[in-house]
Amino acid sequence: LVAGGLLFGTLWGTVWASLGSGLRKAGFEVLDWDRTSGRYSIRPGKKSDEEDGWFKRIFGSRNPSGEAYFVDIRPNGPDIMIITIRGQDRRLNKRQTEELLKRIKGFIT
């Protein structure tokens, strides 16, 4: 986790494919994607019992399950990609950003 994003030393297409799969495995619903711009639009999916508290832990007692987020991939040097996340309708604080990125990173292969 560097500068508000995840760095990957691999080709863009590899990161794109791994991210799409990883988002679903991490418990997000992919609402839309645009490969040309490198953007996924996501929201928290239906949580299983063992995952029930991860999103609440990040955002507190409020239920943001309907909120959407943008996850972007962009080059950060030769063969280095950075993945960032931001809220569609509101700004995420540093802790929320880091926690969401860590969750996503744990499911990217």
PDB file of N, CA and C in Angstrom:
ATOM      1  N   LEU A   1       0.854  -1.173   0.000  1.00  0.00           N
ATOM      2  CA  LEU A   1       0.000   0.000   0.000  1.00  0.00           C
ATOM      3  C   LEU A   1       0.899   1.234   0.000  1.00  0.00           C
ATOM      4  N   VAL A   2       0.873   1.985  -1.104  1.00  0.00           N
ATOM      5  CA  VAL A   2       1.740   3.145  -1.248  1.00  0.00           C
ATOM      6  C   VAL A   2       0.927   4.308  -1.805  1.00  0.00           C
ATOM      7  N   ALA A   3       1.074   5.473  -1.231  1.00  0.00           N
ATOM      8  CA  ALA A   3       0.457   6.702  -1.753  1.00  0.00           C
ATOM      9  C   ALA A   3      -1.035   6.534  -2.047  1.00  0.00           C
ATOM     10  N   GLY A   4      -1.748   5.876  -1.140  1.00  0.00           N
ATOM     11  CA  GLY A   4      -3.187   5.725  -1.314  1.00  0.00           C
ATOM     12  C   GLY A   4      -3.596   4.720  -2.367  1.00  0.00           C
ATOM     13  N   GLY A   5      -2.687   3.821  -2.732  1.00  0.00           N
ATOM     14  CA  GLY A   5      -3.019   2.820  -3.744  1.00  0.00           C
ATOM     15  C   GLY A   5      -2.203   1.558  -3.584  1.00  0.00           C
ATOM     16  N   LEU A   6      -2.545   0.564  -4.374  1.00  0.00           N
ATOM     17  CA  LEU A   6      -1.810  -0.695  -4.413  1.00  0.00           C
ATOM     18  C   LEU A   6      -0.935  -0.699  -5.655  1.00  0.00           C
ATOM     19  N   LEU A   7       0.346  -0.983  -5.488  1.00  0.00           N
ATOM     20  CA  LEU A   7       1.259  -1.048  -6.633  1.00  0.00           C
ATOM     21  C   LEU A   7       1.462  -2.490  -7.068  1.00  0.00           C
ATOM     22  N   PHE A   8       1.467  -2.709  -8.380  1.00  0.00           N
ATOM     23  CA  PHE A   8       1.718  -4.017  -8.954  1.00  0.00           C
ATOM     24  C   PHE A   8       2.736  -3.879 -10.067  1.00  0.00           C
ATOM     25  N   GLY A   9       3.784  -4.670  -9.995  1.00  0.00           N
ATOM     26  CA  GLY A   9       4.825  -4.657 -11.017  1.00  0.00           C
ATOM     27  C   GLY A   9       4.540  -5.684 -12.096  1.00  0.00           C
ATOM     28  N   THR A  10       3.503  -5.429 -12.847  1.00  0.00           N
ATOM     29  CA  THR A  10       3.118  -6.343 -13.912  1.00  0.00           C
ATOM     30  C   THR A  10       2.365  -5.568 -14.986  1.00  0.00           C
ATOM     31  N   LEU A  11       2.007  -6.252 -16.036  1.00  0.00           N
ATOM     32  CA  LEU A  11       1.331  -5.600 -17.158  1.00  0.00           C
ATOM     33  C   LEU A  11      -0.112  -5.239 -16.823  1.00  0.00           C
ATOM     34  N   TRP A  12      -0.595  -4.209 -17.467  1.00  0.00           N
ATOM     35  CA  TRP A  12      -1.939  -3.675 -17.216  1.00  0.00           C
ATOM     36  C   TRP A  12      -3.013  -4.747 -17.366  1.00  0.00           C
ATOM     37  N   GLY A  13      -2.972  -5.508 -18.433  1.00  0.00           N
ATOM     38  CA  GLY A  13      -3.998  -6.521 -18.684  1.00  0.00           C
ATOM     39  C   GLY A  13      -4.058  -7.584 -17.600  1.00  0.00           C
ATOM     40  N   THR A  14      -2.913  -7.939 -17.054  1.00  0.00           N
ATOM     41  CA  THR A  14      -2.859  -8.919 -15.971  1.00  0.00           C
ATOM     42  C   THR A  14      -3.505  -8.362 -14.718  1.00  0.00           C
ATOM     43  N   VAL A  15      -3.201  -7.116 -14.397  1.00  0.00           N
ATOM     44  CA  VAL A  15      -3.799  -6.476 -13.219  1.00  0.00           C
ATOM     45  C   VAL A  15      -5.304  -6.339 -13.405  1.00  0.00           C
ATOM     46  N   TRP A  16      -5.747  -5.945 -14.599  1.00  0.00           N
ATOM     47  CA  TRP A  16      -7.175  -5.785 -14.875  1.00  0.00           C
ATOM     48  C   TRP A  16      -7.929  -7.089 -14.609  1.00  0.00           C
ATOM     49  N   ALA A  17      -7.429  -8.188 -15.141  1.00  0.00           N
ATOM     50  CA  ALA A  17      -8.101  -9.483 -14.977  1.00  0.00           C
ATOM     51  C   ALA A  17      -8.090  -9.935 -13.517  1.00  0.00           C
ATOM     52  N   SER A  18      -6.962  -9.784 -12.847  1.00  0.00           N
ATOM     53  CA  SER A  18      -6.855 -10.191 -11.444  1.00  0.00           C
ATOM     54  C   SER A  18      -7.758  -9.347 -10.551  1.00  0.00           C
ATOM     55  N   LEU A  19      -7.847  -8.059 -10.850  1.00  0.00           N
ATOM     56  CA  LEU A  19      -8.672  -7.171 -10.042  1.00  0.00           C
ATOM     57  C   LEU A  19     -10.147  -7.529 -10.171  1.00  0.00           C
ATOM     58  N   GLY A  20     -10.623  -7.771 -11.374  1.00  0.00           N
ATOM     59  CA  GLY A  20     -12.032  -8.117 -11.566  1.00  0.00           C
ATOM     60  C   GLY A  20     -12.427  -9.348 -10.770  1.00  0.00           C
ATOM     61  N   SER A  21     -11.599 -10.364 -10.825  1.00  0.00           N
ATOM     62  CA  SER A  21     -11.849 -11.589 -10.065  1.00  0.00           C
ATOM     63  C   SER A  21     -11.731 -11.340  -8.567  1.00  0.00           C
ATOM     64  N   GLY A  22     -10.710 -10.593  -8.167  1.00  0.00           N
ATOM     65  CA  GLY A  22     -10.474 -10.307  -6.756  1.00  0.00           C
ATOM     66  C   GLY A  22     -11.576  -9.494  -6.104  1.00  0.00           C
ATOM     67  N   LEU A  23     -12.151  -8.557  -6.843  1.00  0.00           N
ATOM     68  CA  LEU A  23     -13.244  -7.750  -6.288  1.00  0.00           C
ATOM     69  C   LEU A  23     -14.424  -8.635  -5.914  1.00  0.00           C
ATOM     70  N   ARG A  24     -14.774  -9.557  -6.782  1.00  0.00           N
ATOM     71  CA  ARG A  24     -15.894 -10.468  -6.506  1.00  0.00           C
ATOM     72  C   ARG A  24     -15.584 -11.369  -5.318  1.00  0.00           C
ATOM     73  N   LYS A  25     -14.372 -11.907  -5.280  1.00  0.00           N
ATOM     74  CA  LYS A  25     -13.972 -12.776  -4.172  1.00  0.00           C
ATOM     75  C   LYS A  25     -13.935 -12.016  -2.846  1.00  0.00           C
ATOM     76  N   ALA A  26     -13.637 -10.713  -2.908  1.00  0.00           N
ATOM     77  CA  ALA A  26     -13.559  -9.888  -1.699  1.00  0.00           C
ATOM     78  C   ALA A  26     -14.932  -9.480  -1.180  1.00  0.00           C
ATOM     79  N   GLY A  27     -15.988  -9.851  -1.895  1.00  0.00           N
ATOM     80  CA  GLY A  27     -17.331  -9.565  -1.414  1.00  0.00           C
ATOM     81  C   GLY A  27     -17.985  -8.344  -2.030  1.00  0.00           C
ATOM     82  N   PHE A  28     -17.444  -7.873  -3.140  1.00  0.00           N
ATOM     83  CA  PHE A  28     -18.027  -6.729  -3.823  1.00  0.00           C
ATOM     84  C   PHE A  28     -18.853  -7.190  -5.024  1.00  0.00           C
ATOM     85  N   GLU A  29     -19.871  -6.429  -5.328  1.00  0.00           N
ATOM     86  CA  GLU A  29     -20.642  -6.637  -6.546  1.00  0.00           C
ATOM     87  C   GLU A  29     -20.102  -5.667  -7.590  1.00  0.00           C
ATOM     88  N   VAL A  30     -19.723  -6.175  -8.744  1.00  0.00           N
ATOM     89  CA  VAL A  30     -19.239  -5.313  -9.826  1.00  0.00           C
ATOM     90  C   VAL A  30     -20.459  -4.812 -10.588  1.00  0.00           C
ATOM     91  N   LEU A  31     -20.686  -3.501 -10.510  1.00  0.00           N
ATOM     92  CA  LEU A  31     -21.843  -2.887 -11.154  1.00  0.00           C
ATOM     93  C   LEU A  31     -21.584  -2.599 -12.618  1.00  0.00           C
ATOM     94  N   ASP A  32     -20.364  -2.186 -12.922  1.00  0.00           N
ATOM     95  CA  ASP A  32     -20.001  -1.802 -14.283  1.00  0.00           C
ATOM     96  C   ASP A  32     -18.482  -1.809 -14.379  1.00  0.00           C
ATOM     97  N   TRP A  33     -17.981  -1.882 -15.583  1.00  0.00           N
ATOM     98  CA  TRP A  33     -16.541  -1.778 -15.801  1.00  0.00           C
ATOM     99  C   TRP A  33     -16.297  -1.164 -17.162  1.00  0.00           C
ATOM    100  N   ASP A  34     -15.165  -0.483 -17.254  1.00  0.00           N
ATOM    101  CA  ASP A  34     -14.743   0.136 -18.503  1.00  0.00           C
ATOM    102  C   ASP A  34     -13.256  -0.144 -18.666  1.00  0.00           C
ATOM    103  N   ARG A  35     -12.949  -1.132 -19.447  1.00  0.00           N
ATOM    104  CA  ARG A  35     -11.552  -1.537 -19.632  1.00  0.00           C
ATOM    105  C   ARG A  35     -10.717  -0.408 -20.239  1.00  0.00           C
ATOM    106  N   THR A  36     -11.327   0.370 -21.129  1.00  0.00           N
ATOM    107  CA  THR A  36     -10.592   1.459 -21.778  1.00  0.00           C
ATOM    108  C   THR A  36     -10.085   2.477 -20.760  1.00  0.00           C
ATOM    109  N   SER A  37     -10.915   2.845 -19.800  1.00  0.00           N
ATOM    110  CA  SER A  37     -10.496   3.820 -18.791  1.00  0.00           C
ATOM    111  C   SER A  37      -9.889   3.164 -17.559  1.00  0.00           C
ATOM    112  N   GLY A  38      -9.978   1.825 -17.462  1.00  0.00           N
ATOM    113  CA  GLY A  38      -9.401   1.120 -16.321  1.00  0.00           C
ATOM    114  C   GLY A  38     -10.203   1.287 -15.049  1.00  0.00           C
ATOM    115  N   ARG A  39     -11.516   1.314 -15.161  1.00  0.00           N
ATOM    116  CA  ARG A  39     -12.362   1.577 -13.989  1.00  0.00           C
ATOM    117  C   ARG A  39     -13.410   0.492 -13.778  1.00  0.00           C
ATOM    118  N   TYR A  40     -13.515   0.061 -12.511  1.00  0.00           N
ATOM    119  CA  TYR A  40     -14.616  -0.781 -12.056  1.00  0.00           C
ATOM    120  C   TYR A  40     -15.503   0.074 -11.154  1.00  0.00           C
ATOM    121  N   SER A  41     -16.804  -0.072 -11.291  1.00  0.00           N
ATOM    122  CA  SER A  41     -17.764   0.519 -10.371  1.00  0.00           C
ATOM    123  C   SER A  41     -18.287  -0.634  -9.522  1.00  0.00           C
ATOM    124  N   ILE A  42     -18.151  -0.511  -8.198  1.00  0.00           N
ATOM    125  CA  ILE A  42     -18.499  -1.612  -7.304  1.00  0.00           C
ATOM    126  C   ILE A  42     -19.345  -1.133  -6.136  1.00  0.00           C
ATOM    127  N   ARG A  43     -19.941  -2.084  -5.445  1.00  0.00           N
ATOM    128  CA  ARG A  43     -20.576  -1.817  -4.150  1.00  0.00           C
ATOM    129  C   ARG A  43     -20.465  -3.094  -3.342  1.00  0.00           C
ATOM    130  N   PRO A  44     -20.604  -2.993  -2.034  1.00  0.00           N
ATOM    131  CA  PRO A  44     -20.544  -4.203  -1.213  1.00  0.00           C
ATOM    132  C   PRO A  44     -21.644  -5.168  -1.635  1.00  0.00           C
ATOM    133  N   GLY A  45     -21.287  -6.423  -1.778  1.00  0.00           N
ATOM    134  CA  GLY A  45     -22.261  -7.437  -2.158  1.00  0.00           C
ATOM    135  C   GLY A  45     -22.938  -8.020  -0.934  1.00  0.00           C
ATOM    136  N   LYS A  46     -23.747  -8.997  -1.154  1.00  0.00           N
ATOM    137  CA  LYS A  46     -24.381  -9.695  -0.044  1.00  0.00           C
ATOM    138  C   LYS A  46     -23.305 -10.461   0.706  1.00  0.00           C
ATOM    139  N   LYS A  47     -23.237 -10.223   1.999  1.00  0.00           N
ATOM    140  CA  LYS A  47     -22.171 -10.812   2.810  1.00  0.00           C
ATOM    141  C   LYS A  47     -22.592 -12.172   3.356  1.00  0.00           C
ATOM    142  N   SER A  48     -21.646 -13.078   3.392  1.00  0.00           N
ATOM    143  CA  SER A  48     -21.896 -14.359   4.043  1.00  0.00           C
ATOM    144  C   SER A  48     -21.740 -14.167   5.547  1.00  0.00           C
ATOM    145  N   ASP A  49     -22.180 -15.121   6.336  1.00  0.00           N
ATOM    146  CA  ASP A  49     -22.137 -15.000   7.791  1.00  0.00           C
ATOM    147  C   ASP A  49     -20.735 -14.725   8.318  1.00  0.00           C
ATOM    148  N   GLU A  50     -19.726 -15.397   7.762  1.00  0.00           N
ATOM    149  CA  GLU A  50     -18.371 -15.208   8.274  1.00  0.00           C
ATOM    150  C   GLU A  50     -17.789 -13.848   7.904  1.00  0.00           C
ATOM    151  N   GLU A  51     -18.345 -13.177   6.913  1.00  0.00           N
ATOM    152  CA  GLU A  51     -17.846 -11.864   6.503  1.00  0.00           C
ATOM    153  C   GLU A  51     -18.727 -10.727   7.019  1.00  0.00           C
ATOM    154  N   ASP A  52     -19.736 -11.040   7.794  1.00  0.00           N
ATOM    155  CA  ASP A  52     -20.768 -10.088   8.141  1.00  0.00           C
ATOM    156  C   ASP A  52     -20.248  -8.758   8.685  1.00  0.00           C
ATOM    157  N   GLY A  53     -19.142  -8.770   9.409  1.00  0.00           N
ATOM    158  CA  GLY A  53     -18.719  -7.542  10.056  1.00  0.00           C
ATOM    159  C   GLY A  53     -17.636  -6.740   9.370  1.00  0.00           C
ATOM    160  N   TRP A  54     -17.073  -7.210   8.261  1.00  0.00           N
ATOM    161  CA  TRP A  54     -15.918  -6.502   7.709  1.00  0.00           C
ATOM    162  C   TRP A  54     -16.262  -5.106   7.220  1.00  0.00           C
ATOM    163  N   PHE A  55     -17.403  -4.932   6.575  1.00  0.00           N
ATOM    164  CA  PHE A  55     -17.734  -3.603   6.058  1.00  0.00           C
ATOM    165  C   PHE A  55     -18.161  -2.668   7.188  1.00  0.00           C
ATOM    166  N   LYS A  56     -18.882  -3.212   8.158  1.00  0.00           N
ATOM    167  CA  LYS A  56     -19.285  -2.418   9.316  1.00  0.00           C
ATOM    168  C   LYS A  56     -18.056  -1.965  10.099  1.00  0.00           C
ATOM    169  N   ARG A  57     -17.048  -2.835  10.190  1.00  0.00           N
ATOM    170  CA  ARG A  57     -15.817  -2.477  10.896  1.00  0.00           C
ATOM    171  C   ARG A  57     -15.135  -1.266  10.244  1.00  0.00           C
ATOM    172  N   ILE A  58     -15.186  -1.205   8.926  1.00  0.00           N
ATOM    173  CA  ILE A  58     -14.534  -0.114   8.206  1.00  0.00           C
ATOM    174  C   ILE A  58     -15.325   1.184   8.332  1.00  0.00           C
ATOM    175  N   PHE A  59     -16.643   1.103   8.232  1.00  0.00           N
ATOM    176  CA  PHE A  59     -17.464   2.315   8.160  1.00  0.00           C
ATOM    177  C   PHE A  59     -18.255   2.616   9.424  1.00  0.00           C
ATOM    178  N   GLY A  60     -18.178   1.779  10.443  1.00  0.00           N
ATOM    179  CA  GLY A  60     -18.903   2.025  11.670  1.00  0.00           C
ATOM    180  C   GLY A  60     -20.330   1.523  11.582  1.00  0.00           C
ATOM    181  N   SER A  61     -21.192   2.100  12.394  1.00  0.00           N
ATOM    182  CA  SER A  61     -22.551   1.582  12.536  1.00  0.00           C
ATOM    183  C   SER A  61     -23.450   1.893  11.349  1.00  0.00           C
ATOM    184  N   ARG A  62     -23.100   2.887  10.571  1.00  0.00           N
ATOM    185  CA  ARG A  62     -23.970   3.221   9.446  1.00  0.00           C
ATOM    186  C   ARG A  62     -23.890   2.147   8.371  1.00  0.00           C
ATOM    187  N   ASN A  63     -24.961   1.945   7.671  1.00  0.00           N
ATOM    188  CA  ASN A  63     -25.042   0.866   6.690  1.00  0.00           C
ATOM    189  C   ASN A  63     -24.863   1.429   5.281  1.00  0.00           C
ATOM    190  N   PRO A  64     -23.643   1.412   4.763  1.00  0.00           N
ATOM    191  CA  PRO A  64     -23.395   1.983   3.444  1.00  0.00           C
ATOM    192  C   PRO A  64     -23.516   0.966   2.315  1.00  0.00           C
ATOM    193  N   SER A  65     -24.257  -0.116   2.538  1.00  0.00           N
ATOM    194  CA  SER A  65     -24.245  -1.216   1.576  1.00  0.00           C
ATOM    195  C   SER A  65     -24.715  -0.823   0.181  1.00  0.00           C
ATOM    196  N   GLY A  66     -25.485   0.235   0.051  1.00  0.00           N
ATOM    197  CA  GLY A  66     -25.927   0.652  -1.271  1.00  0.00           C
ATOM    198  C   GLY A  66     -24.986   1.619  -1.956  1.00  0.00           C
ATOM    199  N   GLU A  67     -23.954   2.074  -1.250  1.00  0.00           N
ATOM    200  CA  GLU A  67     -23.035   3.049  -1.817  1.00  0.00           C
ATOM    201  C   GLU A  67     -22.120   2.412  -2.853  1.00  0.00           C
ATOM    202  N   ALA A  68     -21.806   3.171  -3.873  1.00  0.00           N
ATOM    203  CA  ALA A  68     -20.926   2.685  -4.938  1.00  0.00           C
ATOM    204  C   ALA A  68     -19.539   3.312  -4.799  1.00  0.00           C
ATOM    205  N   TYR A  69     -18.555   2.596  -5.334  1.00  0.00           N
ATOM    206  CA  TYR A  69     -17.162   3.022  -5.291  1.00  0.00           C
ATOM    207  C   TYR A  69     -16.550   2.814  -6.668  1.00  0.00           C
ATOM    208  N   PHE A  70     -15.563   3.629  -6.973  1.00  0.00           N
ATOM    209  CA  PHE A  70     -14.802   3.466  -8.208  1.00  0.00           C
ATOM    210  C   PHE A  70     -13.432   2.910  -7.858  1.00  0.00           C
ATOM    211  N   VAL A  71     -13.037   1.865  -8.554  1.00  0.00           N
ATOM    212  CA  VAL A  71     -11.698   1.309  -8.422  1.00  0.00           C
ATOM    213  C   VAL A  71     -11.018   1.510  -9.767  1.00  0.00           C
ATOM    214  N   ASP A  72      -9.906   2.226  -9.750  1.00  0.00           N
ATOM    215  CA  ASP A  72      -9.205   2.585 -10.980  1.00  0.00           C
ATOM    216  C   ASP A  72      -7.819   1.956 -11.027  1.00  0.00           C
ATOM    217  N   ILE A  73      -7.402   1.585 -12.233  1.00  0.00           N
ATOM    218  CA  ILE A  73      -6.038   1.121 -12.501  1.00  0.00           C
ATOM    219  C   ILE A  73      -5.410   2.124 -13.446  1.00  0.00           C
ATOM    220  N   ARG A  74      -4.193   2.554 -13.117  1.00  0.00           N
ATOM    221  CA  ARG A  74      -3.486   3.448 -14.030  1.00  0.00           C
ATOM    222  C   ARG A  74      -1.985   3.161 -13.948  1.00  0.00           C
ATOM    223  N   PRO A  75      -1.266   3.459 -15.019  1.00  0.00           N
ATOM    224  CA  PRO A  75       0.190   3.250 -15.009  1.00  0.00           C
ATOM    225  C   PRO A  75       0.853   4.169 -13.991  1.00  0.00           C
ATOM    226  N   ASN A  76       1.910   3.647 -13.368  1.00  0.00           N
ATOM    227  CA  ASN A  76       2.696   4.421 -12.408  1.00  0.00           C
ATOM    228  C   ASN A  76       4.181   4.201 -12.711  1.00  0.00           C
ATOM    229  N   GLY A  77       4.498   4.126 -13.987  1.00  0.00           N
ATOM    230  CA  GLY A  77       5.851   3.855 -14.443  1.00  0.00           C
ATOM    231  C   GLY A  77       5.825   2.674 -15.397  1.00  0.00           C
ATOM    232  N   PRO A  78       6.975   2.334 -15.973  1.00  0.00           N
ATOM    233  CA  PRO A  78       7.030   1.199 -16.904  1.00  0.00           C
ATOM    234  C   PRO A  78       6.673  -0.109 -16.201  1.00  0.00           C
ATOM    235  N   ASP A  79       5.646  -0.786 -16.688  1.00  0.00           N
ATOM    236  CA  ASP A  79       5.194  -2.064 -16.141  1.00  0.00           C
ATOM    237  C   ASP A  79       4.873  -2.017 -14.648  1.00  0.00           C
ATOM    238  N   ILE A  80       4.471  -0.858 -14.159  1.00  0.00           N
ATOM    239  CA  ILE A  80       4.016  -0.712 -12.771  1.00  0.00           C
ATOM    240  C   ILE A  80       2.639  -0.075 -12.812  1.00  0.00           C
ATOM    241  N   MET A  81       1.676  -0.732 -12.180  1.00  0.00           N
ATOM    242  CA  MET A  81       0.303  -0.240 -12.148  1.00  0.00           C
ATOM    243  C   MET A  81      -0.081   0.104 -10.716  1.00  0.00           C
ATOM    244  N   ILE A  82      -0.934   1.100 -10.561  1.00  0.00           N
ATOM    245  CA  ILE A  82      -1.455   1.461  -9.248  1.00  0.00           C
ATOM    246  C   ILE A  82      -2.974   1.325  -9.281  1.00  0.00           C
ATOM    247  N   ILE A  83      -3.517   0.719  -8.232  1.00  0.00           N
ATOM    248  CA  ILE A  83      -4.961   0.577  -8.066  1.00  0.00           C
ATOM    249  C   ILE A  83      -5.387   1.528  -6.962  1.00  0.00           C
ATOM    250  N   THR A  84      -6.398   2.341  -7.247  1.00  0.00           N
ATOM    251  CA  THR A  84      -6.923   3.278  -6.249  1.00  0.00           C
ATOM    252  C   THR A  84      -8.429   3.072  -6.127  1.00  0.00           C
ATOM    253  N   ILE A  85      -8.989   3.556  -5.016  1.00  0.00           N
ATOM    254  CA  ILE A  85     -10.427   3.460  -4.787  1.00  0.00           C
ATOM    255  C   ILE A  85     -10.928   4.784  -4.242  1.00  0.00           C
ATOM    256  N   ARG A  86     -12.145   5.141  -4.640  1.00  0.00           N
ATOM    257  CA  ARG A  86     -12.778   6.351  -4.103  1.00  0.00           C
ATOM    258  C   ARG A  86     -14.285   6.155  -4.101  1.00  0.00           C
ATOM    259  N   GLY A  87     -14.933   6.868  -3.231  1.00  0.00           N
ATOM    260  CA  GLY A  87     -16.383   6.808  -3.173  1.00  0.00           C
ATOM    261  C   GLY A  87     -16.995   7.523  -4.364  1.00  0.00           C
ATOM    262  N   GLN A  88     -18.113   7.022  -4.828  1.00  0.00           N
ATOM    263  CA  GLN A  88     -18.801   7.674  -5.944  1.00  0.00           C
ATOM    264  C   GLN A  88     -19.475   8.962  -5.489  1.00  0.00           C
ATOM    265  N   ASP A  89     -20.102   8.906  -4.310  1.00  0.00           N
ATOM    266  CA  ASP A  89     -20.868  10.059  -3.835  1.00  0.00           C
ATOM    267  C   ASP A  89     -20.266  10.757  -2.632  1.00  0.00           C
ATOM    268  N   ARG A  90     -19.231  10.180  -2.065  1.00  0.00           N
ATOM    269  CA  ARG A  90     -18.615  10.806  -0.899  1.00  0.00           C
ATOM    270  C   ARG A  90     -17.142  10.449  -0.832  1.00  0.00           C
ATOM    271  N   ARG A  91     -16.420  11.256  -0.107  1.00  0.00           N
ATOM    272  CA  ARG A  91     -14.982  11.061   0.035  1.00  0.00           C
ATOM    273  C   ARG A  91     -14.697  10.027   1.127  1.00  0.00           C
ATOM    274  N   LEU A  92     -13.786   9.123   0.853  1.00  0.00           N
ATOM    275  CA  LEU A  92     -13.343   8.156   1.846  1.00  0.00           C
ATOM    276  C   LEU A  92     -12.183   8.746   2.635  1.00  0.00           C
ATOM    277  N   ASN A  93     -12.159   8.495   3.945  1.00  0.00           N
ATOM    278  CA  ASN A  93     -11.003   8.966   4.701  1.00  0.00           C
ATOM    279  C   ASN A  93      -9.841   7.994   4.495  1.00  0.00           C
ATOM    280  N   LYS A  94      -8.678   8.349   4.989  1.00  0.00           N
ATOM    281  CA  LYS A  94      -7.467   7.556   4.751  1.00  0.00           C
ATOM    282  C   LYS A  94      -7.616   6.126   5.281  1.00  0.00           C
ATOM    283  N   ARG A  95      -8.163   5.975   6.474  1.00  0.00           N
ATOM    284  CA  ARG A  95      -8.320   4.651   7.068  1.00  0.00           C
ATOM    285  C   ARG A  95      -9.267   3.786   6.235  1.00  0.00           C
ATOM    286  N   GLN A  96     -10.388   4.355   5.808  1.00  0.00           N
ATOM    287  CA  GLN A  96     -11.341   3.621   4.987  1.00  0.00           C
ATOM    288  C   GLN A  96     -10.708   3.189   3.667  1.00  0.00           C
ATOM    289  N   THR A  97      -9.989   4.100   3.038  1.00  0.00           N
ATOM    290  CA  THR A  97      -9.300   3.787   1.783  1.00  0.00           C
ATOM    291  C   THR A  97      -8.323   2.638   1.983  1.00  0.00           C
ATOM    292  N   GLU A  98      -7.504   2.731   3.030  1.00  0.00           N
ATOM    293  CA  GLU A  98      -6.508   1.698   3.287  1.00  0.00           C
ATOM    294  C   GLU A  98      -7.157   0.350   3.587  1.00  0.00           C
ATOM    295  N   GLU A  99      -8.217   0.345   4.387  1.00  0.00           N
ATOM    296  CA  GLU A  99      -8.887  -0.908   4.732  1.00  0.00           C
ATOM    297  C   GLU A  99      -9.523  -1.562   3.509  1.00  0.00           C
ATOM    298  N   LEU A 100     -10.159  -0.765   2.669  1.00  0.00           N
ATOM    299  CA  LEU A 100     -10.769  -1.317   1.456  1.00  0.00           C
ATOM    300  C   LEU A 100      -9.701  -1.871   0.509  1.00  0.00           C
ATOM    301  N   LEU A 101      -8.601  -1.137   0.349  1.00  0.00           N
ATOM    302  CA  LEU A 101      -7.523  -1.606  -0.521  1.00  0.00           C
ATOM    303  C   LEU A 101      -6.878  -2.869   0.025  1.00  0.00           C
ATOM    304  N   LYS A 102      -6.705  -2.953   1.347  1.00  0.00           N
ATOM    305  CA  LYS A 102      -6.146  -4.163   1.945  1.00  0.00           C
ATOM    306  C   LYS A 102      -7.067  -5.356   1.712  1.00  0.00           C
ATOM    307  N   ARG A 103      -8.362  -5.125   1.836  1.00  0.00           N
ATOM    308  CA  ARG A 103      -9.345  -6.205   1.588  1.00  0.00           C
ATOM    309  C   ARG A 103      -9.227  -6.691   0.148  1.00  0.00           C
ATOM    310  N   ILE A 104      -9.185  -5.749  -0.787  1.00  0.00           N
ATOM    311  CA  ILE A 104      -9.075  -6.101  -2.204  1.00  0.00           C
ATOM    312  C   ILE A 104      -7.764  -6.838  -2.473  1.00  0.00           C
ATOM    313  N   LYS A 105      -6.668  -6.330  -1.930  1.00  0.00           N
ATOM    314  CA  LYS A 105      -5.346  -6.932  -2.148  1.00  0.00           C
ATOM    315  C   LYS A 105      -5.327  -8.398  -1.711  1.00  0.00           C
ATOM    316  N   GLY A 106      -6.027  -8.707  -0.636  1.00  0.00           N
ATOM    317  CA  GLY A 106      -6.041 -10.074  -0.126  1.00  0.00           C
ATOM    318  C   GLY A 106      -6.693 -11.080  -1.073  1.00  0.00           C
ATOM    319  N   PHE A 107      -7.412 -10.586  -2.082  1.00  0.00           N
ATOM    320  CA  PHE A 107      -8.116 -11.482  -3.000  1.00  0.00           C
ATOM    321  C   PHE A 107      -7.620 -11.383  -4.445  1.00  0.00           C
ATOM    322  N   ILE A 108      -6.592 -10.578  -4.665  1.00  0.00           N
ATOM    323  CA  ILE A 108      -6.009 -10.475  -6.016  1.00  0.00           C
ATOM    324  C   ILE A 108      -4.936 -11.545  -6.153  1.00  0.00           C
ATOM    325  N   THR A 109      -5.044 -12.325  -7.231  1.00  0.00           N
ATOM    326  CA  THR A 109      -4.075 -13.402  -7.428  1.00  0.00           C
ATOM    327  C   THR A 109      -3.023 -13.005  -8.446  1.00  0.00           C
TER     328      THR A 109
END
